[in-house]
């Protein structure tokens, strides 16, 4: 799994307006462009409303399908009443990985003090890593870029890679 070209990645965008066709989603394009530079691609994309039950069902469906290794989500991680992505994600995770969102928030704090309002989470379900990214295309890209290489390693480990973890610098 250390090879980016073999990783199967899905993106679920949580947006009431984009799912209703009121406005276009800007996250998919920036994530596709980033992944292409990394030698990977999106295998699956879905745009759904900010509804906890719909989010939870989609994450379970994708994580349990056996067709994806990493599921990225975008949106619903703030503090507005409709932002329920972290709660929906936590409800279906088998293991939480707090270091991923901690690293993303720390990196984002270098850019904006509003990063403290991000409530995204990350974890594992059935060997599939799930990571909540912000809904802003710029913030989603910045957050993914700062943890991407660690995500690849984490996915390999979650799927049973028993090799030693070499230190990185």
N, C-alpha and C. Protein backbone atom coordinates (compact mmCIF):
# COMPACT_ATOMS: atom_id res chain seq x y z
N UNK A 1 0.83 -1.21 0.00
CA UNK A 1 0.00 0.00 0.00
C UNK A 1 0.86 1.25 0.00
N UNK A 2 2.15 1.16 0.13
CA UNK A 2 2.98 2.34 0.12
C UNK A 2 2.96 3.06 -1.21
N UNK A 3 2.35 2.46 -2.19
CA UNK A 3 2.30 2.99 -3.55
C UNK A 3 0.99 3.77 -3.74
N UNK A 4 1.11 5.08 -3.99
CA UNK A 4 -0.08 5.94 -4.14
C UNK A 4 -1.02 5.50 -5.24
N UNK A 5 -0.50 4.87 -6.28
CA UNK A 5 -1.34 4.53 -7.43
C UNK A 5 -2.33 3.43 -7.10
N UNK A 6 -2.10 2.70 -6.03
CA UNK A 6 -3.01 1.60 -5.68
C UNK A 6 -4.05 1.97 -4.64
N UNK A 7 -3.93 3.12 -4.04
CA UNK A 7 -4.87 3.50 -2.99
C UNK A 7 -6.20 3.92 -3.61
N UNK A 8 -7.28 3.39 -3.06
CA UNK A 8 -8.63 3.69 -3.56
C UNK A 8 -9.26 4.70 -2.60
N UNK A 9 -9.52 5.89 -3.13
CA UNK A 9 -9.97 7.01 -2.30
C UNK A 9 -11.37 7.46 -2.71
N UNK A 10 -12.21 7.69 -1.73
CA UNK A 10 -13.54 8.25 -1.96
C UNK A 10 -13.66 9.60 -1.29
N UNK A 11 -14.53 10.45 -1.82
CA UNK A 11 -14.79 11.77 -1.24
C UNK A 11 -16.29 11.94 -1.08
N UNK A 12 -16.71 12.22 0.15
CA UNK A 12 -18.11 12.53 0.44
C UNK A 12 -18.16 14.00 0.84
N UNK A 13 -18.90 14.79 0.06
CA UNK A 13 -19.06 16.21 0.35
C UNK A 13 -20.39 16.42 1.04
N UNK A 14 -20.35 17.04 2.23
CA UNK A 14 -21.56 17.36 2.96
C UNK A 14 -21.92 18.81 2.70
N UNK A 15 -23.00 19.01 1.97
CA UNK A 15 -23.43 20.38 1.67
C UNK A 15 -24.90 20.36 1.28
N UNK A 16 -25.72 21.03 2.07
CA UNK A 16 -27.15 21.12 1.74
C UNK A 16 -27.33 21.78 0.37
N UNK A 17 -26.63 22.90 0.15
CA UNK A 17 -26.81 23.66 -1.10
C UNK A 17 -26.23 22.94 -2.31
N UNK A 18 -25.05 22.35 -2.18
CA UNK A 18 -24.46 21.64 -3.33
C UNK A 18 -25.26 20.38 -3.66
N UNK A 19 -25.75 19.68 -2.65
CA UNK A 19 -26.53 18.45 -2.90
C UNK A 19 -27.87 18.78 -3.54
N UNK A 20 -28.39 19.99 -3.30
CA UNK A 20 -29.66 20.42 -3.90
C UNK A 20 -29.45 21.09 -5.26
N UNK A 21 -28.19 21.26 -5.67
CA UNK A 21 -27.90 21.88 -6.96
C UNK A 21 -27.98 23.40 -6.94
N UNK A 22 -28.03 23.99 -5.75
CA UNK A 22 -28.14 25.44 -5.61
C UNK A 22 -26.80 26.13 -5.91
N UNK A 23 -25.71 25.46 -5.54
CA UNK A 23 -24.38 25.99 -5.83
C UNK A 23 -23.45 24.82 -6.13
N UNK A 24 -22.42 25.07 -6.93
CA UNK A 24 -21.48 23.99 -7.21
C UNK A 24 -20.56 23.72 -6.03
N UNK A 25 -20.06 22.51 -5.95
CA UNK A 25 -19.08 22.17 -4.93
C UNK A 25 -17.70 22.48 -5.48
N UNK A 26 -16.85 23.12 -4.70
CA UNK A 26 -15.51 23.45 -5.17
C UNK A 26 -14.43 22.51 -4.65
N UNK A 27 -14.78 21.63 -3.72
CA UNK A 27 -13.78 20.78 -3.08
C UNK A 27 -13.30 19.66 -4.01
N UNK A 28 -14.20 19.02 -4.71
CA UNK A 28 -13.82 17.88 -5.54
C UNK A 28 -12.67 18.22 -6.49
N UNK A 29 -12.75 19.35 -7.16
CA UNK A 29 -11.73 19.73 -8.13
C UNK A 29 -10.35 19.90 -7.50
N UNK A 30 -10.28 20.58 -6.35
CA UNK A 30 -8.97 20.80 -5.73
C UNK A 30 -8.39 19.50 -5.18
N UNK A 31 -9.26 18.62 -4.67
CA UNK A 31 -8.79 17.33 -4.16
C UNK A 31 -8.30 16.46 -5.32
N UNK A 32 -9.05 16.44 -6.42
CA UNK A 32 -8.61 15.68 -7.61
C UNK A 32 -7.25 16.15 -8.09
N UNK A 33 -7.07 17.47 -8.17
CA UNK A 33 -5.81 18.04 -8.64
C UNK A 33 -4.65 17.65 -7.71
N UNK A 34 -4.87 17.76 -6.41
CA UNK A 34 -3.84 17.38 -5.43
C UNK A 34 -3.48 15.91 -5.58
N UNK A 35 -4.50 15.05 -5.63
CA UNK A 35 -4.24 13.61 -5.72
C UNK A 35 -3.52 13.25 -7.01
N UNK A 36 -3.87 13.90 -8.10
CA UNK A 36 -3.19 13.62 -9.38
C UNK A 36 -1.70 13.91 -9.25
N UNK A 37 -1.34 14.99 -8.57
CA UNK A 37 0.07 15.32 -8.36
C UNK A 37 0.76 14.28 -7.48
N UNK A 38 -0.02 13.61 -6.63
CA UNK A 38 0.52 12.59 -5.74
C UNK A 38 0.48 11.19 -6.37
N UNK A 39 -0.03 11.09 -7.59
CA UNK A 39 -0.11 9.79 -8.26
C UNK A 39 -1.32 8.97 -7.87
N UNK A 40 -2.36 9.63 -7.37
CA UNK A 40 -3.58 8.94 -6.96
C UNK A 40 -4.78 9.62 -7.61
N UNK A 41 -5.96 9.07 -7.41
CA UNK A 41 -7.18 9.63 -7.97
C UNK A 41 -8.36 9.30 -7.07
N UNK A 42 -9.44 10.00 -7.28
CA UNK A 42 -10.69 9.70 -6.57
C UNK A 42 -11.41 8.56 -7.30
N UNK A 43 -11.70 7.51 -6.58
CA UNK A 43 -12.42 6.38 -7.16
C UNK A 43 -13.93 6.61 -7.10
N UNK A 44 -14.36 7.45 -6.15
CA UNK A 44 -15.78 7.63 -5.92
C UNK A 44 -16.02 9.00 -5.29
N UNK A 45 -17.11 9.67 -5.70
CA UNK A 45 -17.49 10.96 -5.13
C UNK A 45 -19.00 10.96 -4.92
N UNK A 46 -19.42 11.52 -3.79
CA UNK A 46 -20.85 11.69 -3.52
C UNK A 46 -21.05 13.02 -2.82
N UNK A 47 -22.10 13.73 -3.18
CA UNK A 47 -22.46 14.99 -2.53
C UNK A 47 -23.81 14.77 -1.86
N UNK A 48 -23.83 14.94 -0.54
CA UNK A 48 -25.03 14.65 0.24
C UNK A 48 -25.34 15.82 1.17
N UNK A 49 -26.59 15.89 1.68
CA UNK A 49 -26.94 16.97 2.62
C UNK A 49 -26.33 16.75 4.00
N UNK A 50 -26.31 17.82 4.78
CA UNK A 50 -25.82 17.79 6.16
C UNK A 50 -26.86 17.15 7.07
N UNK A 51 -27.00 15.85 6.96
CA UNK A 51 -27.95 15.10 7.79
C UNK A 51 -27.20 13.93 8.39
N UNK A 52 -27.16 13.84 9.72
CA UNK A 52 -26.35 12.83 10.41
C UNK A 52 -26.66 11.42 9.94
N UNK A 53 -27.94 11.07 9.79
CA UNK A 53 -28.27 9.70 9.40
C UNK A 53 -27.80 9.39 7.98
N UNK A 54 -27.91 10.35 7.07
CA UNK A 54 -27.46 10.16 5.69
C UNK A 54 -25.94 10.04 5.66
N UNK A 55 -25.26 10.88 6.41
CA UNK A 55 -23.79 10.83 6.47
C UNK A 55 -23.34 9.48 7.02
N UNK A 56 -23.91 9.07 8.13
CA UNK A 56 -23.53 7.80 8.75
C UNK A 56 -23.75 6.62 7.82
N UNK A 57 -24.90 6.59 7.15
CA UNK A 57 -25.19 5.48 6.22
C UNK A 57 -24.20 5.46 5.06
N UNK A 58 -23.85 6.63 4.52
CA UNK A 58 -22.91 6.69 3.40
C UNK A 58 -21.52 6.21 3.83
N UNK A 59 -21.07 6.66 5.00
CA UNK A 59 -19.76 6.25 5.49
C UNK A 59 -19.70 4.74 5.75
N UNK A 60 -20.74 4.19 6.34
CA UNK A 60 -20.79 2.75 6.58
C UNK A 60 -20.80 1.99 5.25
N UNK A 61 -21.64 2.44 4.32
CA UNK A 61 -21.72 1.79 3.01
C UNK A 61 -20.34 1.75 2.34
N UNK A 62 -19.66 2.88 2.30
CA UNK A 62 -18.37 2.94 1.62
C UNK A 62 -17.29 2.19 2.38
N UNK A 63 -17.24 2.34 3.71
CA UNK A 63 -16.19 1.67 4.49
C UNK A 63 -16.37 0.15 4.49
N UNK A 64 -17.60 -0.29 4.45
CA UNK A 64 -17.86 -1.73 4.52
C UNK A 64 -17.91 -2.39 3.15
N UNK A 65 -17.77 -1.62 2.08
CA UNK A 65 -17.90 -2.15 0.72
C UNK A 65 -16.70 -2.97 0.27
N UNK A 66 -15.53 -2.73 0.87
CA UNK A 66 -14.32 -3.40 0.43
C UNK A 66 -13.73 -2.79 -0.83
N UNK A 67 -14.28 -1.68 -1.28
CA UNK A 67 -13.82 -1.06 -2.53
C UNK A 67 -12.99 0.21 -2.32
N UNK A 68 -12.85 0.65 -1.06
CA UNK A 68 -12.10 1.87 -0.78
C UNK A 68 -11.11 1.62 0.36
N UNK A 69 -10.03 2.39 0.36
CA UNK A 69 -9.03 2.33 1.42
C UNK A 69 -9.09 3.56 2.32
N UNK A 70 -9.47 4.69 1.72
CA UNK A 70 -9.49 5.97 2.41
C UNK A 70 -10.75 6.72 1.97
N UNK A 71 -11.51 7.20 2.95
CA UNK A 71 -12.69 8.02 2.67
C UNK A 71 -12.44 9.39 3.27
N UNK A 72 -12.41 10.38 2.40
CA UNK A 72 -12.30 11.77 2.83
C UNK A 72 -13.70 12.36 2.85
N UNK A 73 -13.97 13.18 3.84
CA UNK A 73 -15.23 13.92 3.84
C UNK A 73 -14.88 15.40 3.81
N UNK A 74 -15.80 16.19 3.33
CA UNK A 74 -15.61 17.64 3.29
C UNK A 74 -16.90 18.32 3.71
N UNK A 75 -16.77 19.22 4.67
CA UNK A 75 -17.93 19.99 5.11
C UNK A 75 -18.53 19.47 6.39
N UNK A 76 -19.29 20.35 7.02
CA UNK A 76 -20.02 19.98 8.23
C UNK A 76 -19.17 19.85 9.47
N UNK A 77 -17.98 20.46 9.47
CA UNK A 77 -17.07 20.31 10.61
C UNK A 77 -16.98 21.55 11.48
N UNK A 78 -17.77 22.56 11.16
CA UNK A 78 -17.73 23.82 11.91
C UNK A 78 -18.67 23.80 13.10
N UNK A 79 -19.16 24.98 13.45
CA UNK A 79 -19.99 25.11 14.66
C UNK A 79 -21.42 25.55 14.37
N UNK A 80 -21.81 25.57 13.11
CA UNK A 80 -23.20 25.95 12.83
C UNK A 80 -24.13 24.79 13.21
N UNK A 81 -25.40 25.07 13.46
CA UNK A 81 -26.33 24.02 13.87
C UNK A 81 -26.41 22.85 12.88
N UNK A 82 -26.15 23.07 11.59
CA UNK A 82 -26.24 22.00 10.59
C UNK A 82 -24.94 21.20 10.47
N UNK A 83 -23.87 21.60 11.16
CA UNK A 83 -22.58 20.92 11.08
C UNK A 83 -22.57 19.69 11.99
N UNK A 84 -22.86 18.52 11.41
CA UNK A 84 -22.99 17.29 12.19
C UNK A 84 -22.05 16.18 11.71
N UNK A 85 -21.13 16.51 10.81
CA UNK A 85 -20.23 15.48 10.27
C UNK A 85 -19.39 14.79 11.35
N UNK A 86 -18.78 15.51 12.30
CA UNK A 86 -17.98 14.81 13.31
C UNK A 86 -18.80 13.82 14.14
N UNK A 87 -20.00 14.21 14.51
CA UNK A 87 -20.84 13.31 15.31
C UNK A 87 -21.22 12.08 14.50
N UNK A 88 -21.61 12.28 13.25
CA UNK A 88 -21.99 11.15 12.39
C UNK A 88 -20.81 10.24 12.14
N UNK A 89 -19.63 10.81 12.00
CA UNK A 89 -18.43 10.01 11.77
C UNK A 89 -18.06 9.22 13.02
N UNK A 90 -18.01 9.88 14.17
CA UNK A 90 -17.66 9.18 15.42
C UNK A 90 -18.59 8.01 15.70
N UNK A 91 -19.85 8.16 15.34
CA UNK A 91 -20.84 7.11 15.61
C UNK A 91 -20.54 5.81 14.87
N UNK A 92 -19.80 5.87 13.77
CA UNK A 92 -19.56 4.66 12.97
C UNK A 92 -18.11 4.17 13.04
N UNK A 93 -17.22 4.94 13.67
CA UNK A 93 -15.82 4.53 13.74
C UNK A 93 -15.61 3.40 14.74
N UNK A 94 -14.64 2.53 14.44
CA UNK A 94 -14.22 1.49 15.38
C UNK A 94 -13.01 1.94 16.18
N UNK A 95 -12.18 2.81 15.58
CA UNK A 95 -11.02 3.39 16.26
C UNK A 95 -10.94 4.85 15.85
N UNK A 96 -10.71 5.71 16.80
CA UNK A 96 -10.50 7.12 16.49
C UNK A 96 -8.99 7.39 16.42
N UNK A 97 -8.58 8.32 15.57
CA UNK A 97 -7.18 8.71 15.43
C UNK A 97 -7.11 10.23 15.65
N UNK A 98 -6.99 10.66 16.90
CA UNK A 98 -7.02 12.10 17.19
C UNK A 98 -5.84 12.88 16.61
N UNK A 99 -4.71 12.24 16.37
CA UNK A 99 -3.53 12.96 15.87
C UNK A 99 -3.73 13.58 14.51
N UNK A 100 -4.55 12.97 13.66
CA UNK A 100 -4.77 13.52 12.32
C UNK A 100 -5.45 14.88 12.38
N UNK A 101 -6.62 15.00 13.02
CA UNK A 101 -7.24 16.34 13.09
C UNK A 101 -6.44 17.33 13.93
N UNK A 102 -5.70 16.82 14.92
CA UNK A 102 -4.85 17.72 15.70
C UNK A 102 -3.79 18.35 14.81
N UNK A 103 -3.16 17.53 13.95
CA UNK A 103 -2.14 18.04 13.03
C UNK A 103 -2.74 19.02 12.03
N UNK A 104 -3.92 18.71 11.53
CA UNK A 104 -4.56 19.60 10.56
C UNK A 104 -4.89 20.94 11.20
N UNK A 105 -5.43 20.92 12.41
CA UNK A 105 -5.75 22.18 13.09
C UNK A 105 -4.48 22.97 13.40
N UNK A 106 -3.43 22.29 13.84
CA UNK A 106 -2.18 22.99 14.15
C UNK A 106 -1.62 23.67 12.91
N UNK A 107 -1.65 22.98 11.77
CA UNK A 107 -1.15 23.57 10.53
C UNK A 107 -2.05 24.74 10.10
N UNK A 108 -3.36 24.57 10.23
CA UNK A 108 -4.30 25.62 9.85
C UNK A 108 -4.18 26.86 10.73
N UNK A 109 -3.81 26.66 12.00
CA UNK A 109 -3.64 27.80 12.91
C UNK A 109 -2.53 28.74 12.44
N UNK A 110 -1.61 28.23 11.64
CA UNK A 110 -0.55 29.08 11.08
C UNK A 110 -1.13 30.05 10.05
N UNK A 111 -2.33 29.75 9.55
CA UNK A 111 -2.95 30.53 8.49
C UNK A 111 -4.10 31.40 9.03
N UNK A 112 -4.91 30.81 9.93
CA UNK A 112 -6.07 31.54 10.46
C UNK A 112 -6.39 31.07 11.87
N UNK A 113 -6.77 32.02 12.73
CA UNK A 113 -7.16 31.66 14.09
C UNK A 113 -8.51 30.94 14.12
N UNK A 114 -9.25 30.97 13.02
CA UNK A 114 -10.54 30.27 12.95
C UNK A 114 -10.38 28.76 12.92
N UNK A 115 -9.17 28.28 12.74
CA UNK A 115 -8.91 26.83 12.75
C UNK A 115 -9.35 26.20 14.07
N UNK A 116 -9.37 26.98 15.13
CA UNK A 116 -9.78 26.44 16.44
C UNK A 116 -11.25 26.03 16.43
N UNK A 117 -12.01 26.49 15.45
CA UNK A 117 -13.43 26.14 15.36
C UNK A 117 -13.69 24.85 14.60
N UNK A 118 -12.65 24.28 14.00
CA UNK A 118 -12.81 23.04 13.24
C UNK A 118 -12.97 21.86 14.19
N UNK A 119 -13.99 21.04 13.95
CA UNK A 119 -14.28 19.91 14.82
C UNK A 119 -14.08 18.56 14.13
N UNK A 120 -13.39 18.55 13.00
CA UNK A 120 -13.20 17.32 12.25
C UNK A 120 -12.55 16.23 13.07
N UNK A 121 -12.87 14.98 12.72
CA UNK A 121 -12.31 13.80 13.38
C UNK A 121 -11.74 12.86 12.31
N UNK A 122 -11.05 11.84 12.75
CA UNK A 122 -10.52 10.82 11.85
C UNK A 122 -10.48 9.49 12.59
N UNK A 123 -10.54 8.42 11.81
CA UNK A 123 -10.48 7.09 12.43
C UNK A 123 -10.57 5.98 11.41
N UNK A 124 -10.79 4.78 11.94
CA UNK A 124 -10.80 3.56 11.12
C UNK A 124 -12.13 2.84 11.30
N UNK A 125 -12.63 2.32 10.20
CA UNK A 125 -13.76 1.38 10.22
C UNK A 125 -13.43 0.28 9.23
N UNK A 126 -13.35 -0.95 9.73
CA UNK A 126 -13.08 -2.12 8.89
C UNK A 126 -11.87 -1.95 7.98
N UNK A 127 -10.80 -1.39 8.53
CA UNK A 127 -9.56 -1.20 7.78
C UNK A 127 -9.56 -0.02 6.84
N UNK A 128 -10.65 0.74 6.82
CA UNK A 128 -10.75 1.93 5.96
C UNK A 128 -10.59 3.17 6.83
N UNK A 129 -9.66 4.04 6.43
CA UNK A 129 -9.46 5.28 7.16
C UNK A 129 -10.49 6.31 6.68
N UNK A 130 -11.07 7.03 7.62
CA UNK A 130 -12.04 8.09 7.33
C UNK A 130 -11.52 9.37 7.96
N UNK A 131 -11.44 10.44 7.15
CA UNK A 131 -10.88 11.71 7.61
C UNK A 131 -11.82 12.84 7.22
N UNK A 132 -12.24 13.63 8.21
CA UNK A 132 -13.08 14.81 7.97
C UNK A 132 -12.20 16.00 7.61
N UNK A 133 -12.47 16.60 6.46
CA UNK A 133 -11.82 17.82 6.03
C UNK A 133 -12.82 18.98 6.09
N UNK A 134 -12.35 20.21 6.17
CA UNK A 134 -13.27 21.36 6.15
C UNK A 134 -14.01 21.46 4.81
N UNK A 135 -15.05 22.29 4.78
CA UNK A 135 -15.84 22.47 3.57
C UNK A 135 -15.28 23.48 2.59
N UNK A 136 -14.41 24.34 3.04
CA UNK A 136 -13.78 25.32 2.15
C UNK A 136 -12.76 24.60 1.27
N UNK A 137 -12.80 24.81 -0.05
CA UNK A 137 -11.82 24.16 -0.91
C UNK A 137 -10.38 24.46 -0.49
N UNK A 138 -10.08 25.70 -0.15
CA UNK A 138 -8.73 26.09 0.26
C UNK A 138 -8.33 25.35 1.53
N UNK A 139 -9.20 25.35 2.52
CA UNK A 139 -8.89 24.69 3.79
C UNK A 139 -8.83 23.18 3.65
N UNK A 140 -9.71 22.60 2.85
CA UNK A 140 -9.68 21.15 2.62
C UNK A 140 -8.35 20.73 2.02
N UNK A 141 -7.89 21.48 1.03
CA UNK A 141 -6.62 21.18 0.38
C UNK A 141 -5.45 21.33 1.36
N UNK A 142 -5.42 22.42 2.10
CA UNK A 142 -4.34 22.65 3.07
C UNK A 142 -4.29 21.54 4.11
N UNK A 143 -5.46 21.14 4.59
CA UNK A 143 -5.53 20.10 5.61
C UNK A 143 -5.07 18.75 5.06
N UNK A 144 -5.55 18.39 3.88
CA UNK A 144 -5.15 17.12 3.28
C UNK A 144 -3.65 17.10 3.01
N UNK A 145 -3.12 18.18 2.48
CA UNK A 145 -1.70 18.23 2.13
C UNK A 145 -0.80 18.00 3.35
N UNK A 146 -1.20 18.50 4.49
CA UNK A 146 -0.32 18.38 5.66
C UNK A 146 -0.30 16.98 6.27
N UNK A 147 -1.28 16.14 5.96
CA UNK A 147 -1.32 14.80 6.56
C UNK A 147 -1.27 13.66 5.53
N UNK A 148 -1.25 13.97 4.25
CA UNK A 148 -1.42 12.94 3.22
C UNK A 148 -0.42 11.78 3.33
N UNK A 149 0.85 12.07 3.47
CA UNK A 149 1.82 10.95 3.53
C UNK A 149 1.58 10.09 4.76
N UNK A 150 1.20 10.69 5.88
CA UNK A 150 0.87 9.92 7.07
C UNK A 150 -0.38 9.07 6.85
N UNK A 151 -1.34 9.60 6.08
CA UNK A 151 -2.55 8.82 5.79
C UNK A 151 -2.21 7.55 5.03
N UNK A 152 -1.31 7.65 4.05
CA UNK A 152 -0.92 6.47 3.28
C UNK A 152 -0.33 5.40 4.20
N UNK A 153 0.53 5.81 5.09
CA UNK A 153 1.13 4.88 6.05
C UNK A 153 0.05 4.29 6.97
N UNK A 154 -0.83 5.16 7.45
CA UNK A 154 -1.90 4.71 8.34
C UNK A 154 -2.84 3.71 7.68
N UNK A 155 -3.17 3.95 6.42
CA UNK A 155 -4.04 3.02 5.69
C UNK A 155 -3.37 1.65 5.60
N UNK A 156 -2.07 1.63 5.26
CA UNK A 156 -1.34 0.36 5.15
C UNK A 156 -1.37 -0.38 6.49
N UNK A 157 -1.13 0.34 7.56
CA UNK A 157 -1.13 -0.28 8.89
C UNK A 157 -2.53 -0.77 9.27
N UNK A 158 -3.54 0.02 8.98
CA UNK A 158 -4.92 -0.36 9.31
C UNK A 158 -5.35 -1.62 8.56
N UNK A 159 -4.72 -1.84 7.40
CA UNK A 159 -5.08 -3.00 6.60
C UNK A 159 -4.16 -4.19 6.85
N UNK A 160 -3.31 -4.08 7.89
CA UNK A 160 -2.55 -5.24 8.32
C UNK A 160 -1.08 -5.27 7.99
N UNK A 161 -0.51 -4.20 7.42
CA UNK A 161 0.93 -4.17 7.12
C UNK A 161 1.70 -4.37 8.43
N UNK A 162 2.55 -5.39 8.47
CA UNK A 162 3.30 -5.71 9.68
C UNK A 162 4.74 -5.25 9.63
N UNK A 163 5.13 -4.52 8.58
CA UNK A 163 6.52 -4.07 8.48
C UNK A 163 6.81 -3.04 9.57
N UNK A 164 8.10 -2.92 9.89
CA UNK A 164 8.51 -1.93 10.90
C UNK A 164 8.23 -0.52 10.38
N UNK A 165 7.94 0.34 11.30
CA UNK A 165 7.71 1.75 10.95
C UNK A 165 9.03 2.48 10.99
N UNK A 166 9.52 2.81 9.82
CA UNK A 166 10.79 3.57 9.74
C UNK A 166 10.52 5.02 10.11
N UNK A 167 11.45 5.62 10.85
CA UNK A 167 11.25 7.04 11.19
C UNK A 167 11.32 7.92 9.95
N UNK A 168 10.56 9.00 9.97
CA UNK A 168 10.59 9.98 8.88
C UNK A 168 11.09 11.30 9.44
N UNK A 169 11.66 12.10 8.56
CA UNK A 169 12.17 13.40 9.02
C UNK A 169 11.68 14.49 8.13
